[in-house]
PDB file of N, CA and C in Angstrom:
ATOM      1  N   MET A   1      20.762  28.637 -29.086  1.00  0.00           N
ATOM      2  CA  MET A   1      21.040  27.521 -27.738  1.00  0.00           C
ATOM      3  C   MET A   1      22.267  28.300 -26.882  1.00  0.00           C
ATOM      4  N   THR A   2      22.097  28.509 -25.159  1.00  0.00           N
ATOM      5  CA  THR A   2      23.248  28.860 -24.556  1.00  0.00           C
ATOM      6  C   THR A   2      23.929  28.027 -24.387  1.00  0.00           C
ATOM      7  N   PRO A   3      25.437  28.303 -23.836  1.00  0.00           N
ATOM      8  CA  PRO A   3      26.130  27.619 -23.535  1.00  0.00           C
ATOM      9  C   PRO A   3      26.060  26.757 -22.072  1.00  0.00           C
ATOM     10  N   GLU A   4      24.994  27.035 -21.503  1.00  0.00           N
ATOM     11  CA  GLU A   4      24.431  26.190 -20.334  1.00  0.00           C
ATOM     12  C   GLU A   4      23.933  24.837 -20.794  1.00  0.00           C
ATOM     13  N   THR A   5      23.009  24.922 -21.877  1.00  0.00           N
ATOM     14  CA  THR A   5      22.588  23.687 -22.558  1.00  0.00           C
ATOM     15  C   THR A   5      22.738  23.044 -23.586  1.00  0.00           C
ATOM     16  N   GLU A   6      24.396  23.996 -23.639  1.00  0.00           N
ATOM     17  CA  GLU A   6      25.218  22.667 -24.811  1.00  0.00           C
ATOM     18  C   GLU A   6      25.374  21.738 -24.384  1.00  0.00           C
ATOM     19  N   MET A   7      25.133  20.477 -24.692  1.00  0.00           N
ATOM     20  CA  MET A   7      25.865  18.821 -24.710  1.00  0.00           C
ATOM     21  C   MET A   7      27.501  19.382 -24.281  1.00  0.00           C
ATOM     22  N   ASP A   8      28.384  18.897 -23.874  1.00  0.00           N
ATOM     23  CA  ASP A   8      29.757  19.048 -23.818  1.00  0.00           C
ATOM     24  C   ASP A   8      30.527  18.084 -25.042  1.00  0.00           C
ATOM     25  N   GLN A   9      31.903  17.874 -25.154  1.00  0.00           N
ATOM     26  CA  GLN A   9      32.624  17.529 -26.437  1.00  0.00           C
ATOM     27  C   GLN A   9      32.201  16.263 -26.614  1.00  0.00           C
ATOM     28  N   SER A  10      31.884  15.456 -25.815  1.00  0.00           N
ATOM     29  CA  SER A  10      31.806  14.015 -25.709  1.00  0.00           C
ATOM     30  C   SER A  10      30.500  13.292 -26.079  1.00  0.00           C
ATOM     31  N   GLN A  11      30.253  12.068 -26.397  1.00  0.00           N
ATOM     32  CA  GLN A  11      29.208  11.884 -27.497  1.00  0.00           C
ATOM     33  C   GLN A  11      28.048  11.059 -26.346  1.00  0.00           C
ATOM     34  N   HIS A  12      26.974  11.141 -26.627  1.00  0.00           N
ATOM     35  CA  HIS A  12      25.989  10.928 -25.514  1.00  0.00           C
ATOM     36  C   HIS A  12      24.793  10.014 -26.412  1.00  0.00           C
ATOM     37  N   ASP A  13      24.581   9.014 -25.810  1.00  0.00           N
ATOM     38  CA  ASP A  13      23.494   7.937 -25.867  1.00  0.00           C
ATOM     39  C   ASP A  13      22.099   7.942 -24.821  1.00  0.00           C
ATOM     40  N   LEU A  14      20.866   7.740 -25.662  1.00  0.00           N
ATOM     41  CA  LEU A  14      20.149   7.460 -24.680  1.00  0.00           C
ATOM     42  C   LEU A  14      19.486   6.069 -24.742  1.00  0.00           C
ATOM     43  N   MET A  15      19.928   5.076 -24.030  1.00  0.00           N
ATOM     44  CA  MET A  15      19.437   3.554 -23.923  1.00  0.00           C
ATOM     45  C   MET A  15      17.990   3.911 -22.829  1.00  0.00           C
ATOM     46  N   ILE A  16      17.318   3.220 -23.925  1.00  0.00           N
ATOM     47  CA  ILE A  16      16.084   2.594 -23.427  1.00  0.00           C
ATOM     48  C   ILE A  16      15.550   1.379 -23.100  1.00  0.00           C
ATOM     49  N   VAL A  17      15.372   1.359 -21.286  1.00  0.00           N
ATOM     50  CA  VAL A  17      15.617  -0.422 -21.062  1.00  0.00           C
ATOM     51  C   VAL A  17      14.430  -0.768 -20.441  1.00  0.00           C
ATOM     52  N   VAL A  18      13.999  -1.775 -21.037  1.00  0.00           N
ATOM     53  CA  VAL A  18      12.738  -2.504 -20.435  1.00  0.00           C
ATOM     54  C   VAL A  18      12.845  -3.276 -19.650  1.00  0.00           C
ATOM     55  N   VAL A  19      12.222  -3.550 -18.218  1.00  0.00           N
ATOM     56  CA  VAL A  19      13.017  -4.332 -17.022  1.00  0.00           C
ATOM     57  C   VAL A  19      11.456  -4.754 -16.604  1.00  0.00           C
ATOM     58  N   GLN A  20      11.842  -6.301 -16.090  1.00  0.00           N
ATOM     59  CA  GLN A  20      10.657  -6.473 -14.940  1.00  0.00           C
ATOM     60  C   GLN A  20      10.058  -5.404 -14.076  1.00  0.00           C
ATOM     61  N   GLY A  21       9.121  -5.241 -13.311  1.00  0.00           N
ATOM     62  CA  GLY A  21       9.385  -4.456 -12.109  1.00  0.00           C
ATOM     63  C   GLY A  21      10.245  -4.424 -10.907  1.00  0.00           C
ATOM     64  N   GLN A  22       9.930  -5.395 -11.011  1.00  0.00           N
ATOM     65  CA  GLN A  22      10.824  -6.554  -9.287  1.00  0.00           C
ATOM     66  C   GLN A  22      12.087  -6.369  -9.896  1.00  0.00           C
ATOM     67  N   ASP A  23      12.792  -6.363 -10.895  1.00  0.00           N
ATOM     68  CA  ASP A  23      14.178  -5.709 -11.327  1.00  0.00           C
ATOM     69  C   ASP A  23      14.916  -4.555 -11.491  1.00  0.00           C
ATOM     70  N   ALA A  24      13.843  -3.967 -11.498  1.00  0.00           N
ATOM     71  CA  ALA A  24      13.723  -2.164 -11.863  1.00  0.00           C
ATOM     72  C   ALA A  24      14.468  -1.606 -10.601  1.00  0.00           C
ATOM     73  N   ASP A  25      14.387  -1.543  -9.370  1.00  0.00           N
ATOM     74  CA  ASP A  25      15.085  -1.179  -8.213  1.00  0.00           C
ATOM     75  C   ASP A  25      16.349  -1.296  -8.053  1.00  0.00           C
ATOM     76  N   MET A  26      17.159  -2.540  -8.189  1.00  0.00           N
ATOM     77  CA  MET A  26      18.214  -2.982  -8.285  1.00  0.00           C
ATOM     78  C   MET A  26      19.043  -2.500  -9.162  1.00  0.00           C
ATOM     79  N   ALA A  27      18.366  -2.472 -10.449  1.00  0.00           N
ATOM     80  CA  ALA A  27      19.035  -1.999 -11.719  1.00  0.00           C
ATOM     81  C   ALA A  27      19.372  -0.184 -11.678  1.00  0.00           C
ATOM     82  N   ILE A  28      18.165   0.265 -11.070  1.00  0.00           N
ATOM     83  CA  ILE A  28      18.240   1.752 -11.099  1.00  0.00           C
ATOM     84  C   ILE A  28      19.432   2.154  -9.884  1.00  0.00           C
ATOM     85  N   GLN A  29      19.442   1.510  -8.878  1.00  0.00           N
ATOM     86  CA  GLN A  29      20.487   1.444  -7.623  1.00  0.00           C
ATOM     87  C   GLN A  29      21.672   0.965  -7.997  1.00  0.00           C
ATOM     88  N   SER A  30      21.843   0.173  -8.847  1.00  0.00           N
ATOM     89  CA  SER A  30      23.464  -0.198  -9.336  1.00  0.00           C
ATOM     90  C   SER A  30      24.221   0.832 -10.431  1.00  0.00           C
ATOM     91  N   LEU A  31      22.916   1.308 -11.488  1.00  0.00           N
ATOM     92  CA  LEU A  31      23.701   2.599 -12.543  1.00  0.00           C
ATOM     93  C   LEU A  31      23.934   4.046 -11.669  1.00  0.00           C
ATOM     94  N   THR A  32      23.034   4.259 -10.731  1.00  0.00           N
ATOM     95  CA  THR A  32      23.161   5.282 -10.343  1.00  0.00           C
ATOM     96  C   THR A  32      24.639   5.519  -8.920  1.00  0.00           C
ATOM     97  N   ASP A  33      24.753   4.467  -8.554  1.00  0.00           N
ATOM     98  CA  ASP A  33      25.840   4.401  -7.308  1.00  0.00           C
ATOM     99  C   ASP A  33      27.156   4.691  -8.686  1.00  0.00           C
ATOM    100  N   GLU A  34      27.015   4.457  -9.838  1.00  0.00           N
ATOM    101  CA  GLU A  34      28.163   4.428 -11.251  1.00  0.00           C
ATOM    102  C   GLU A  34      28.161   5.831 -11.539  1.00  0.00           C
ATOM    103  N   GLY A  35      27.179   6.607 -11.379  1.00  0.00           N
ATOM    104  CA  GLY A  35      27.041   8.021 -11.278  1.00  0.00           C
ATOM    105  C   GLY A  35      26.358   8.411 -12.716  1.00  0.00           C
ATOM    106  N   ILE A  36      25.237   6.709 -13.251  1.00  0.00           N
ATOM    107  CA  ILE A  36      24.806   7.355 -14.250  1.00  0.00           C
ATOM    108  C   ILE A  36      23.136   7.643 -14.198  1.00  0.00           C
ATOM    109  N   SER A  37      23.232   8.602 -14.943  1.00  0.00           N
ATOM    110  CA  SER A  37      21.626   9.754 -14.226  1.00  0.00           C
ATOM    111  C   SER A  37      20.398   8.099 -15.186  1.00  0.00           C
ATOM    112  N   VAL A  38      19.499   8.161 -14.328  1.00  0.00           N
ATOM    113  CA  VAL A  38      18.579   6.831 -14.593  1.00  0.00           C
ATOM    114  C   VAL A  38      16.610   7.885 -14.654  1.00  0.00           C
ATOM    115  N   THR A  39      16.204   7.877 -15.372  1.00  0.00           N
ATOM    116  CA  THR A  39      14.824   8.102 -15.387  1.00  0.00           C
ATOM    117  C   THR A  39      13.785   6.888 -15.378  1.00  0.00           C
ATOM    118  N   ARG A  40      12.995   6.598 -14.372  1.00  0.00           N
ATOM    119  CA  ARG A  40      11.752   5.335 -14.024  1.00  0.00           C
ATOM    120  C   ARG A  40      10.981   5.953 -14.862  1.00  0.00           C
ATOM    121  N   LEU A  41       9.872   4.844 -15.980  1.00  0.00           N
ATOM    122  CA  LEU A  41       8.354   5.043 -16.146  1.00  0.00           C
ATOM    123  C   LEU A  41       7.610   3.960 -16.152  1.00  0.00           C
ATOM    124  N   PRO A  42       6.876   4.040 -15.457  1.00  0.00           N
ATOM    125  CA  PRO A  42       6.359   2.603 -15.434  1.00  0.00           C
ATOM    126  C   PRO A  42       5.622   2.128 -16.552  1.00  0.00           C
ATOM    127  N   SER A  43       5.781   0.627 -17.095  1.00  0.00           N
ATOM    128  CA  SER A  43       4.619   0.424 -18.241  1.00  0.00           C
ATOM    129  C   SER A  43       4.559  -1.029 -17.666  1.00  0.00           C
ATOM    130  N   VAL A  44       3.391  -1.585 -18.711  1.00  0.00           N
ATOM    131  CA  VAL A  44       3.208  -2.667 -18.595  1.00  0.00           C
ATOM    132  C   VAL A  44       3.404  -3.799 -19.691  1.00  0.00           C
ATOM    133  N   GLY A  45       3.834  -4.691 -19.655  1.00  0.00           N
ATOM    134  CA  GLY A  45       4.246  -5.984 -21.045  1.00  0.00           C
ATOM    135  C   GLY A  45       2.775  -6.084 -21.481  1.00  0.00           C
ATOM    136  N   GLY A  46       2.782  -6.644 -22.887  1.00  0.00           N
ATOM    137  CA  GLY A  46       1.742  -6.296 -23.849  1.00  0.00           C
ATOM    138  C   GLY A  46       0.989  -8.207 -23.767  1.00  0.00           C
ATOM    139  N   PHE A  47       2.128  -8.857 -23.411  1.00  0.00           N
ATOM    140  CA  PHE A  47       1.920 -10.307 -23.613  1.00  0.00           C
ATOM    141  C   PHE A  47       1.266 -10.671 -22.356  1.00  0.00           C
ATOM    142  N   LEU A  48       1.822 -10.580 -21.231  1.00  0.00           N
ATOM    143  CA  LEU A  48       1.883 -11.188 -20.071  1.00  0.00           C
ATOM    144  C   LEU A  48       0.948 -10.121 -19.496  1.00  0.00           C
ATOM    145  N   GLY A  49       0.943  -8.874 -19.116  1.00  0.00           N
ATOM    146  CA  GLY A  49       0.007  -7.879 -18.744  1.00  0.00           C
ATOM    147  C   GLY A  49       1.036  -7.544 -17.512  1.00  0.00           C
ATOM    148  N   ARG A  50       1.902  -8.158 -17.307  1.00  0.00           N
ATOM    149  CA  ARG A  50       2.697  -7.700 -16.038  1.00  0.00           C
ATOM    150  C   ARG A  50       3.234  -6.355 -15.876  1.00  0.00           C
ATOM    151  N   LYS A  51       3.691  -5.747 -14.574  1.00  0.00           N
ATOM    152  CA  LYS A  51       4.414  -4.533 -14.563  1.00  0.00           C
ATOM    153  C   LYS A  51       5.654  -4.583 -14.888  1.00  0.00           C
ATOM    154  N   ASN A  52       6.169  -3.481 -15.817  1.00  0.00           N
ATOM    155  CA  ASN A  52       7.052  -3.600 -16.129  1.00  0.00           C
ATOM    156  C   ASN A  52       7.923  -2.028 -15.633  1.00  0.00           C
ATOM    157  N   ALA A  53       9.485  -1.834 -16.160  1.00  0.00           N
ATOM    158  CA  ALA A  53       9.970   0.001 -15.736  1.00  0.00           C
ATOM    159  C   ALA A  53       9.984  -0.013 -16.959  1.00  0.00           C
ATOM    160  N   THR A  54      10.763   1.001 -17.770  1.00  0.00           N
ATOM    161  CA  THR A  54      10.878   1.891 -18.551  1.00  0.00           C
ATOM    162  C   THR A  54      11.966   2.258 -18.168  1.00  0.00           C
ATOM    163  N   LEU A  55      13.263   2.483 -18.182  1.00  0.00           N
ATOM    164  CA  LEU A  55      14.784   3.125 -17.704  1.00  0.00           C
ATOM    165  C   LEU A  55      14.713   3.816 -19.402  1.00  0.00           C
ATOM    166  N   MET A  56      14.788   5.252 -19.004  1.00  0.00           N
ATOM    167  CA  MET A  56      15.866   6.065 -19.414  1.00  0.00           C
ATOM    168  C   MET A  56      16.923   6.326 -19.275  1.00  0.00           C
ATOM    169  N   ILE A  57      18.171   6.261 -19.631  1.00  0.00           N
ATOM    170  CA  ILE A  57      19.383   6.465 -19.363  1.00  0.00           C
ATOM    171  C   ILE A  57      20.349   7.387 -20.350  1.00  0.00           C
ATOM    172  N   ASP A  58      20.728   8.038 -19.696  1.00  0.00           N
ATOM    173  CA  ASP A  58      21.621   8.874 -20.345  1.00  0.00           C
ATOM    174  C   ASP A  58      23.078   8.544 -20.200  1.00  0.00           C
ATOM    175  N   ILE A  59      23.681   8.404 -20.882  1.00  0.00           N
ATOM    176  CA  ILE A  59      24.835   8.006 -20.818  1.00  0.00           C
ATOM    177  C   ILE A  59      25.981   8.169 -21.926  1.00  0.00           C
ATOM    178  N   GLU A  60      27.523   8.786 -21.731  1.00  0.00           N
ATOM    179  CA  GLU A  60      28.457   8.812 -22.549  1.00  0.00           C
ATOM    180  C   GLU A  60      28.976   7.339 -23.332  1.00  0.00           C
ATOM    181  N   THR A  61      29.095   7.396 -24.179  1.00  0.00           N
ATOM    182  CA  THR A  61      29.249   6.542 -25.498  1.00  0.00           C
ATOM    183  C   THR A  61      30.500   5.713 -24.945  1.00  0.00           C
ATOM    184  N   GLU A  62      31.305   5.914 -23.662  1.00  0.00           N
ATOM    185  CA  GLU A  62      31.988   5.100 -23.149  1.00  0.00           C
ATOM    186  C   GLU A  62      31.929   4.000 -22.078  1.00  0.00           C
ATOM    187  N   GLN A  63      30.230   5.379 -21.860  1.00  0.00           N
ATOM    188  CA  GLN A  63      29.767   4.051 -20.757  1.00  0.00           C
ATOM    189  C   GLN A  63      28.771   2.915 -20.771  1.00  0.00           C
ATOM    190  N   TYR A  64      29.047   2.730 -22.159  1.00  0.00           N
ATOM    191  CA  TYR A  64      27.891   1.967 -22.458  1.00  0.00           C
ATOM    192  C   TYR A  64      28.021   0.232 -22.023  1.00  0.00           C
ATOM    193  N   GLU A  65      29.189  -0.193 -22.387  1.00  0.00           N
ATOM    194  CA  GLU A  65      29.430  -1.544 -21.659  1.00  0.00           C
ATOM    195  C   GLU A  65      29.484  -1.587 -20.467  1.00  0.00           C
ATOM    196  N   LYS A  66      29.695  -0.941 -19.343  1.00  0.00           N
ATOM    197  CA  LYS A  66      29.635  -0.396 -17.873  1.00  0.00           C
ATOM    198  C   LYS A  66      27.895  -0.895 -17.533  1.00  0.00           C
ATOM    199  N   ALA A  67      27.266   0.080 -18.306  1.00  0.00           N
ATOM    200  CA  ALA A  67      25.487  -0.126 -18.231  1.00  0.00           C
ATOM    201  C   ALA A  67      25.233  -1.232 -18.573  1.00  0.00           C
ATOM    202  N   ILE A  68      25.683  -2.251 -19.886  1.00  0.00           N
ATOM    203  CA  ILE A  68      25.231  -3.236 -20.329  1.00  0.00           C
ATOM    204  C   ILE A  68      25.893  -4.392 -18.974  1.00  0.00           C
ATOM    205  N   ASP A  69      27.044  -4.218 -18.746  1.00  0.00           N
ATOM    206  CA  ASP A  69      27.275  -5.217 -17.535  1.00  0.00           C
ATOM    207  C   ASP A  69      26.742  -5.052 -16.330  1.00  0.00           C
ATOM    208  N   LEU A  70      26.065  -3.675 -15.861  1.00  0.00           N
ATOM    209  CA  LEU A  70      25.442  -3.190 -14.021  1.00  0.00           C
ATOM    210  C   LEU A  70      23.389  -4.125 -14.738  1.00  0.00           C
ATOM    211  N   LEU A  71      23.156  -3.989 -15.874  1.00  0.00           N
ATOM    212  CA  LEU A  71      21.642  -4.496 -16.089  1.00  0.00           C
ATOM    213  C   LEU A  71      21.927  -6.025 -16.363  1.00  0.00           C
ATOM    214  N   ASN A  72      22.911  -6.458 -16.963  1.00  0.00           N
ATOM    215  CA  ASN A  72      22.797  -7.944 -17.081  1.00  0.00           C
ATOM    216  C   ASN A  72      22.967  -8.744 -15.625  1.00  0.00           C
ATOM    217  N   LYS A  73      24.013  -7.834 -14.870  1.00  0.00           N
ATOM    218  CA  LYS A  73      24.009  -8.297 -13.554  1.00  0.00           C
ATOM    219  C   LYS A  73      22.763  -8.248 -12.535  1.00  0.00           C
ATOM    220  N   THR A  74      21.739  -7.181 -12.567  1.00  0.00           N
ATOM    221  CA  THR A  74      20.549  -7.209 -11.923  1.00  0.00           C
ATOM    222  C   THR A  74      19.407  -6.838 -12.598  1.00  0.00           C
ATOM    223  N   CYS A  75      19.302  -7.767 -13.964  1.00  0.00           N
ATOM    224  CA  CYS A  75      18.488  -8.100 -14.238  1.00  0.00           C
ATOM    225  C   CYS A  75      17.843  -9.243 -14.802  1.00  0.00           C
ATOM    226  N   ARG A  76      17.737 -10.216 -14.250  1.00  0.00           N
ATOM    227  CA  ARG A  76      18.014 -11.837 -14.558  1.00  0.00           C
ATOM    228  C   ARG A  76      16.559 -12.441 -15.053  1.00  0.00           C
ATOM    229  N   GLN A  77      17.152 -13.617 -15.881  1.00  0.00           N
ATOM    230  CA  GLN A  77      15.567 -13.942 -16.470  1.00  0.00           C
ATOM    231  C   GLN A  77      15.373 -14.971 -15.581  1.00  0.00           C
ATOM    232  N   ARG A  78      13.965 -15.299 -15.451  1.00  0.00           N
ATOM    233  CA  ARG A  78      13.635 -16.454 -14.399  1.00  0.00           C
ATOM    234  C   ARG A  78      12.506 -17.236 -15.246  1.00  0.00           C
ATOM    235  N   VAL A  79      11.887 -18.387 -14.699  1.00  0.00           N
ATOM    236  CA  VAL A  79      11.027 -19.052 -15.461  1.00  0.00           C
ATOM    237  C   VAL A  79       9.591 -18.846 -14.620  1.00  0.00           C
ATOM    238  N   ALA A  80       8.184 -18.846 -15.249  1.00  0.00           N
ATOM    239  CA  ALA A  80       7.585 -18.773 -14.444  1.00  0.00           C
ATOM    240  C   ALA A  80       6.521 -19.329 -15.000  1.00  0.00           C
ATOM    241  N   PHE A  81       4.830 -19.537 -14.500  1.00  0.00           N
ATOM    242  CA  PHE A  81       4.283 -20.444 -15.023  1.00  0.00           C
ATOM    243  C   PHE A  81       3.171 -19.631 -15.361  1.00  0.00           C
ATOM    244  N   ILE A  82       2.615 -19.759 -16.579  1.00  0.00           N
ATOM    245  CA  ILE A  82       0.946 -19.165 -17.359  1.00  0.00           C
ATOM    246  C   ILE A  82      -0.175 -20.394 -17.371  1.00  0.00           C
ATOM    247  N   ALA A  83      -0.884 -20.158 -17.135  1.00  0.00           N
ATOM    248  CA  ALA A  83      -2.437 -21.078 -17.297  1.00  0.00           C
ATOM    249  C   ALA A  83      -3.051 -21.103 -19.008  1.00  0.00           C
ATOM    250  N   VAL A  84      -2.671 -21.735 -19.173  1.00  0.00           N
ATOM    251  CA  VAL A  84      -3.004 -22.055 -20.933  1.00  0.00           C
ATOM    252  C   VAL A  84      -4.109 -22.841 -20.682  1.00  0.00           C
ATOM    253  N   PRO A  85      -5.012 -23.030 -21.696  1.00  0.00           N
ATOM    254  CA  PRO A  85      -6.523 -23.481 -21.493  1.00  0.00           C
ATOM    255  C   PRO A  85      -6.174 -24.952 -22.351  1.00  0.00           C
ATOM    256  N   MET A  86      -6.445 -26.183 -22.066  1.00  0.00           N
ATOM    257  CA  MET A  86      -5.992 -27.417 -23.155  1.00  0.00           C
ATOM    258  C   MET A  86      -7.151 -27.283 -23.644  1.00  0.00           C
ATOM    259  N   GLU A  87      -6.515 -27.055 -25.348  1.00  0.00           N
ATOM    260  CA  GLU A  87      -7.727 -27.214 -26.354  1.00  0.00           C
ATOM    261  C   GLU A  87      -8.396 -28.414 -26.170  1.00  0.00           C
ATOM    262  N   SER A  88      -7.982 -29.961 -26.050  1.00  0.00           N
ATOM    263  CA  SER A  88      -8.465 -31.374 -26.352  1.00  0.00           C
ATOM    264  C   SER A  88      -9.290 -31.580 -25.236  1.00  0.00           C
ATOM    265  N   ALA A  89      -9.439 -30.903 -23.966  1.00  0.00           N
ATOM    266  CA  ALA A  89      -9.793 -31.240 -22.670  1.00  0.00           C
ATOM    267  C   ALA A  89     -11.286 -31.163 -23.274  1.00  0.00           C
ATOM    268  N   PRO A  90     -12.084 -32.288 -22.156  1.00  0.00           N
ATOM    269  CA  PRO A  90     -13.487 -31.192 -22.510  1.00  0.00           C
ATOM    270  C   PRO A  90     -14.221 -30.250 -21.661  1.00  0.00           C
ATOM    271  N   LEU A  91     -13.866 -30.113 -20.567  1.00  0.00           N
ATOM    272  CA  LEU A  91     -13.952 -28.917 -20.031  1.00  0.00           C
ATOM    273  C   LEU A  91     -12.571 -28.025 -20.100  1.00  0.00           C
ATOM    274  N   PRO A  92     -12.984 -26.637 -19.645  1.00  0.00           N
ATOM    275  CA  PRO A  92     -11.254 -25.746 -20.205  1.00  0.00           C
ATOM    276  C   PRO A  92     -10.807 -26.090 -18.808  1.00  0.00           C
ATOM    277  N   MET A  93     -10.102 -26.833 -18.505  1.00  0.00           N
ATOM    278  CA  MET A  93      -8.992 -27.007 -17.977  1.00  0.00           C
ATOM    279  C   MET A  93      -7.554 -26.136 -17.996  1.00  0.00           C
ATOM    280  N   PRO A  94      -7.341 -25.592 -17.481  1.00  0.00           N
ATOM    281  CA  PRO A  94      -6.042 -24.703 -17.189  1.00  0.00           C
ATOM    282  C   PRO A  94      -4.501 -24.963 -17.586  1.00  0.00           C
ATOM    283  N   ALA A  95      -3.530 -25.339 -18.229  1.00  0.00           N
ATOM    284  CA  ALA A  95      -2.368 -26.172 -17.726  1.00  0.00           C
ATOM    285  C   ALA A  95      -0.728 -25.259 -17.459  1.00  0.00           C
ATOM    286  N   PRO A  96      -0.896 -25.852 -16.682  1.00  0.00           N
ATOM    287  CA  PRO A  96       0.684 -24.976 -16.252  1.00  0.00           C
ATOM    288  C   PRO A  96       1.808 -24.543 -17.224  1.00  0.00           C
ATOM    289  N   THR A  97       1.867 -23.745 -18.260  1.00  0.00           N
ATOM    290  CA  THR A  97       3.205 -23.838 -18.876  1.00  0.00           C
ATOM    291  C   THR A  97       4.159 -22.609 -18.472  1.00  0.00           C
ATOM    292  N   PRO A  98       5.186 -22.997 -18.502  1.00  0.00           N
ATOM    293  CA  PRO A  98       6.296 -22.392 -18.280  1.00  0.00           C
ATOM    294  C   PRO A  98       6.683 -21.372 -19.436  1.00  0.00           C
ATOM    295  N   ILE A  99       7.595 -19.989 -18.895  1.00  0.00           N
ATOM    296  CA  ILE A  99       7.590 -18.829 -20.302  1.00  0.00           C
ATOM    297  C   ILE A  99       9.156 -18.415 -19.455  1.00  0.00           C
ATOM    298  N   THR A 100       9.998 -18.295 -20.121  1.00  0.00           N
ATOM    299  CA  THR A 100      10.850 -17.010 -19.281  1.00  0.00           C
ATOM    300  C   THR A 100      10.405 -15.939 -19.403  1.00  0.00           C
ATOM    301  N   ILE A 101      10.631 -15.397 -18.119  1.00  0.00           N
ATOM    302  CA  ILE A 101      10.477 -13.532 -18.118  1.00  0.00           C
ATOM    303  C   ILE A 101      11.337 -13.191 -17.448  1.00  0.00           C
ATOM    304  N   GLY A 102      11.598 -11.730 -17.481  1.00  0.00           N
ATOM    305  CA  GLY A 102      12.533 -11.247 -16.689  1.00  0.00           C
ATOM    306  C   GLY A 102      13.903 -10.553 -17.851  1.00  0.00           C
ATOM    307  N   GLY A 103      15.309 -10.354 -17.354  1.00  0.00           N
ATOM    308  CA  GLY A 103      16.019 -10.058 -18.117  1.00  0.00           C
ATOM    309  C   GLY A 103      15.821  -8.606 -18.683  1.00  0.00           C
ATOM    310  N   ALA A 104      16.112  -7.956 -19.628  1.00  0.00           N
ATOM    311  CA  ALA A 104      16.313  -6.255 -20.164  1.00  0.00           C
ATOM    312  C   ALA A 104      16.194  -6.444 -21.774  1.00  0.00           C
ATOM    313  N   ASN A 105      15.498  -5.656 -22.348  1.00  0.00           N
ATOM    314  CA  ASN A 105      15.409  -5.313 -23.841  1.00  0.00           C
ATOM    315  C   ASN A 105      16.105  -3.919 -23.834  1.00  0.00           C
ATOM    316  N   VAL A 106      17.177  -3.603 -24.251  1.00  0.00           N
ATOM    317  CA  VAL A 106      17.759  -2.684 -24.101  1.00  0.00           C
ATOM    318  C   VAL A 106      17.912  -2.017 -26.074  1.00  0.00           C
ATOM    319  N   PHE A 107      17.565  -0.574 -25.761  1.00  0.00           N
ATOM    320  CA  PHE A 107      17.596   0.205 -27.104  1.00  0.00           C
ATOM    321  C   PHE A 107      18.639   1.325 -27.015  1.00  0.00           C
ATOM    322  N   SER A 108      18.889   1.421 -28.047  1.00  0.00           N
ATOM    323  CA  SER A 108      20.109   2.497 -27.827  1.00  0.00           C
ATOM    324  C   SER A 108      20.437   3.587 -29.031  1.00  0.00           C
ATOM    325  N   LEU A 109      20.216   4.722 -28.411  1.00  0.00           N
ATOM    326  CA  LEU A 109      19.857   5.962 -29.340  1.00  0.00           C
ATOM    327  C   LEU A 109      20.778   6.709 -29.416  1.00  0.00           C
ATOM    328  N   GLU A 110      21.724   7.236 -30.795  1.00  0.00           N
ATOM    329  CA  GLU A 110      22.712   8.140 -30.595  1.00  0.00           C
ATOM    330  C   GLU A 110      21.832   9.528 -30.347  1.00  0.00           C
ATOM    331  N   VAL A 111      22.455  10.329 -29.149  1.00  0.00           N
ATOM    332  CA  VAL A 111      21.646  11.656 -28.971  1.00  0.00           C
ATOM    333  C   VAL A 111      22.346  12.849 -29.985  1.00  0.00           C
ATOM    334  N   GLU A 112      22.097  13.434 -30.977  1.00  0.00           N
ATOM    335  CA  GLU A 112      22.271  14.304 -31.665  1.00  0.00           C
ATOM    336  C   GLU A 112      22.086  15.359 -31.097  1.00  0.00           C
ATOM    337  N   HIS A 113      21.130  16.120 -30.494  1.00  0.00           N
ATOM    338  CA  HIS A 113      20.588  16.844 -29.807  1.00  0.00           C
ATOM    339  C   HIS A 113      20.180  16.672 -28.304  1.00  0.00           C
ATOM    340  N   TYR A 114      20.764  18.049 -27.735  1.00  0.00           N
ATOM    341  CA  TYR A 114      19.928  18.012 -26.038  1.00  0.00           C
ATOM    342  C   TYR A 114      19.972  19.468 -25.713  1.00  0.00           C
ATOM    343  N   GLU A 115      18.975  19.899 -25.333  1.00  0.00           N
ATOM    344  CA  GLU A 115      18.468  21.018 -24.217  1.00  0.00           C
ATOM    345  C   GLU A 115      17.876  20.819 -23.169  1.00  0.00           C
ATOM    346  N   GLU A 116      18.166  21.560 -22.068  1.00  0.00           N
ATOM    347  CA  GLU A 116      17.117  21.308 -21.075  1.00  0.00           C
ATOM    348  C   GLU A 116      17.327  22.917 -20.444  1.00  0.00           C
ATOM    349  N   PHE A 117      15.774  22.876 -20.100  1.00  0.00           N
ATOM    350  CA  PHE A 117      15.389  24.596 -20.108  1.00  0.00           C
ATOM    351  C   PHE A 117      14.404  24.332 -18.695  1.00  0.00           C
TER     352      PHE A 117
END
């Protein structure tokens, strides 16, 4: 490993954050405005099949609370309605059912080693 590829002495974390597609741009903007590096990957939710964004965020451990605060402000939960077929109906009539979507799912991993080439 060369000196250019070694991480500095501070501890780094990798945050993997899954957000709704409509919240991603605002979340990325708020993080980059604070000097936090973000990589965006497209993803799709398994339950509703809606577009999401998976954000990979490199932060120093001291920046963790700031990043969580920014994500909390930009990735809000909201209520959406999905059509669920009524089981007792003679004809398959969908009933609008409210569900909570949005917010952020945050996974934080301690980075032991990093190289860039």
